[in-house]
Amino acid sequence: MGIGGGIFLIVVGAILAFAVTAEVPYVDLTTIGYICMVAGAVALVIALIVNKQRSNTKHTYVERRDDPRHDTRY
């Protein structure tokens, strides 16, 4: 989902929880807003943890050089 998706869920959840005053039968938009905000916060934390782990990864390039003096094919 990523950082952008987490922020998007938080924003949509805040809009549903605090700004929408419409009444939908059998659906509480305030509760759905809070659920979206919590899911967005969890997604944001997970994305930040994954990005932190990705930045700690070390890549090593190994270059092989053959020495013709030790080549047994000749």
C-alpha atoms as a PDB file:
ATOM      1  CA  MET A   1       0.000   0.000   0.000  1.00  0.00           C
ATOM      2  CA  GLY A   2       2.803   2.404   0.833  1.00  0.00           C
ATOM      3  CA  ILE A   3       3.078   5.732   2.530  1.00  0.00           C
ATOM      4  CA  GLY A   4       0.706   7.467   0.120  1.00  0.00           C
ATOM      5  CA  GLY A   5      -2.008   4.882   0.639  1.00  0.00           C
ATOM      6  CA  GLY A   6      -1.734   5.181   4.405  1.00  0.00           C
ATOM      7  CA  ILE A   7      -2.010   8.951   4.274  1.00  0.00           C
ATOM      8  CA  PHE A   8      -4.958   8.665   1.890  1.00  0.00           C
ATOM      9  CA  LEU A   9      -6.807   6.334   4.292  1.00  0.00           C
ATOM     10  CA  ILE A  10      -6.164   8.693   7.201  1.00  0.00           C
ATOM     11  CA  VAL A  11      -7.514  11.667   5.237  1.00  0.00           C
ATOM     12  CA  VAL A  12     -10.607   9.813   3.984  1.00  0.00           C
ATOM     13  CA  GLY A  13     -11.260   8.486   7.471  1.00  0.00           C
ATOM     14  CA  ALA A  14     -10.986  11.955   8.985  1.00  0.00           C
ATOM     15  CA  ILE A  15     -13.395  13.340   6.406  1.00  0.00           C
ATOM     16  CA  LEU A  16     -15.886  10.564   7.103  1.00  0.00           C
ATOM     17  CA  ALA A  17     -15.536  10.853  10.872  1.00  0.00           C
ATOM     18  CA  PHE A  18     -15.598  14.613  11.294  1.00  0.00           C
ATOM     19  CA  ALA A  19     -17.006  16.323   8.187  1.00  0.00           C
ATOM     20  CA  VAL A  20     -19.758  14.142   6.740  1.00  0.00           C
ATOM     21  CA  THR A  21     -23.163  14.662   8.301  1.00  0.00           C
ATOM     22  CA  ALA A  22     -25.157  12.455   5.917  1.00  0.00           C
ATOM     23  CA  GLU A  23     -27.225   9.631   7.375  1.00  0.00           C
ATOM     24  CA  VAL A  24     -27.007   6.274   5.625  1.00  0.00           C
ATOM     25  CA  PRO A  25     -29.347   3.519   6.819  1.00  0.00           C
ATOM     26  CA  TYR A  26     -27.579   0.679   8.661  1.00  0.00           C
ATOM     27  CA  VAL A  27     -24.165   2.357   8.219  1.00  0.00           C
ATOM     28  CA  ASP A  28     -22.416   4.546  10.771  1.00  0.00           C
ATOM     29  CA  LEU A  29     -20.058   6.760   8.765  1.00  0.00           C
ATOM     30  CA  THR A  30     -18.290   7.982  11.894  1.00  0.00           C
ATOM     31  CA  THR A  31     -17.268   4.435  12.817  1.00  0.00           C
ATOM     32  CA  ILE A  32     -16.144   3.723   9.261  1.00  0.00           C
ATOM     33  CA  GLY A  33     -14.092   6.920   9.396  1.00  0.00           C
ATOM     34  CA  TYR A  34     -12.361   5.833  12.593  1.00  0.00           C
ATOM     35  CA  ILE A  35     -11.692   2.383  11.109  1.00  0.00           C
ATOM     36  CA  CYS A  36     -10.152   3.993   8.003  1.00  0.00           C
ATOM     37  CA  MET A  37      -7.964   6.243  10.140  1.00  0.00           C
ATOM     38  CA  VAL A  38      -6.678   3.301  12.194  1.00  0.00           C
ATOM     39  CA  ALA A  39      -6.059   1.224   9.061  1.00  0.00           C
ATOM     40  CA  GLY A  40      -4.217   4.161   7.490  1.00  0.00           C
ATOM     41  CA  ALA A  41      -2.052   4.630  10.575  1.00  0.00           C
ATOM     42  CA  VAL A  42      -1.176   0.922  10.605  1.00  0.00           C
ATOM     43  CA  ALA A  43      -0.375   0.998   6.872  1.00  0.00           C
ATOM     44  CA  LEU A  44       1.778   4.092   7.360  1.00  0.00           C
ATOM     45  CA  VAL A  45       3.758   2.503  10.197  1.00  0.00           C
ATOM     46  CA  ILE A  46       4.283  -0.717   8.230  1.00  0.00           C
ATOM     47  CA  ALA A  47       5.393   1.233   5.148  1.00  0.00           C
ATOM     48  CA  LEU A  48       7.892   3.235   7.187  1.00  0.00           C
ATOM     49  CA  ILE A  49       9.289   0.068   8.782  1.00  0.00           C
ATOM     50  CA  VAL A  50       9.662  -1.631   5.398  1.00  0.00           C
ATOM     51  CA  ASN A  51      11.363   1.441   3.928  1.00  0.00           C
ATOM     52  CA  LYS A  52      13.750   1.600   6.888  1.00  0.00           C
ATOM     53  CA  GLN A  53      14.700  -2.044   6.404  1.00  0.00           C
ATOM     54  CA  ARG A  54      15.162  -1.481   2.677  1.00  0.00           C
ATOM     55  CA  SER A  55      17.598   1.380   3.313  1.00  0.00           C
ATOM     56  CA  ASN A  56      19.705  -0.809   5.627  1.00  0.00           C
ATOM     57  CA  THR A  57      20.308  -3.389   2.899  1.00  0.00           C
ATOM     58  CA  LYS A  58      23.874  -3.522   1.637  1.00  0.00           C
ATOM     59  CA  HIS A  59      24.657  -4.463  -1.923  1.00  0.00           C
ATOM     60  CA  THR A  60      28.080  -5.827  -2.677  1.00  0.00           C
ATOM     61  CA  TYR A  61      29.433  -6.088  -6.183  1.00  0.00           C
ATOM     62  CA  VAL A  62      31.956  -8.857  -6.698  1.00  0.00           C
ATOM     63  CA  GLU A  63      34.171  -8.573  -9.737  1.00  0.00           C
ATOM     64  CA  ARG A  64      35.972 -11.702 -10.780  1.00  0.00           C
ATOM     65  CA  ARG A  65      39.292 -11.292 -12.500  1.00  0.00           C
ATOM     66  CA  ASP A  66      40.965 -14.359 -13.880  1.00  0.00           C
ATOM     67  CA  ASP A  67      44.721 -14.503 -13.667  1.00  0.00           C
ATOM     68  CA  PRO A  68      46.059 -16.165 -16.821  1.00  0.00           C
ATOM     69  CA  ARG A  69      49.088 -17.441 -14.887  1.00  0.00           C
ATOM     70  CA  HIS A  70      46.826 -19.742 -12.867  1.00  0.00           C
ATOM     71  CA  ASP A  71      44.575 -20.800 -15.712  1.00  0.00           C
ATOM     72  CA  THR A  72      44.716 -24.571 -16.148  1.00  0.00           C
ATOM     73  CA  ARG A  73      43.115 -24.598 -19.575  1.00  0.00           C
ATOM     74  CA  TYR A  74      46.409 -23.775 -21.359  1.00  0.00           C
END
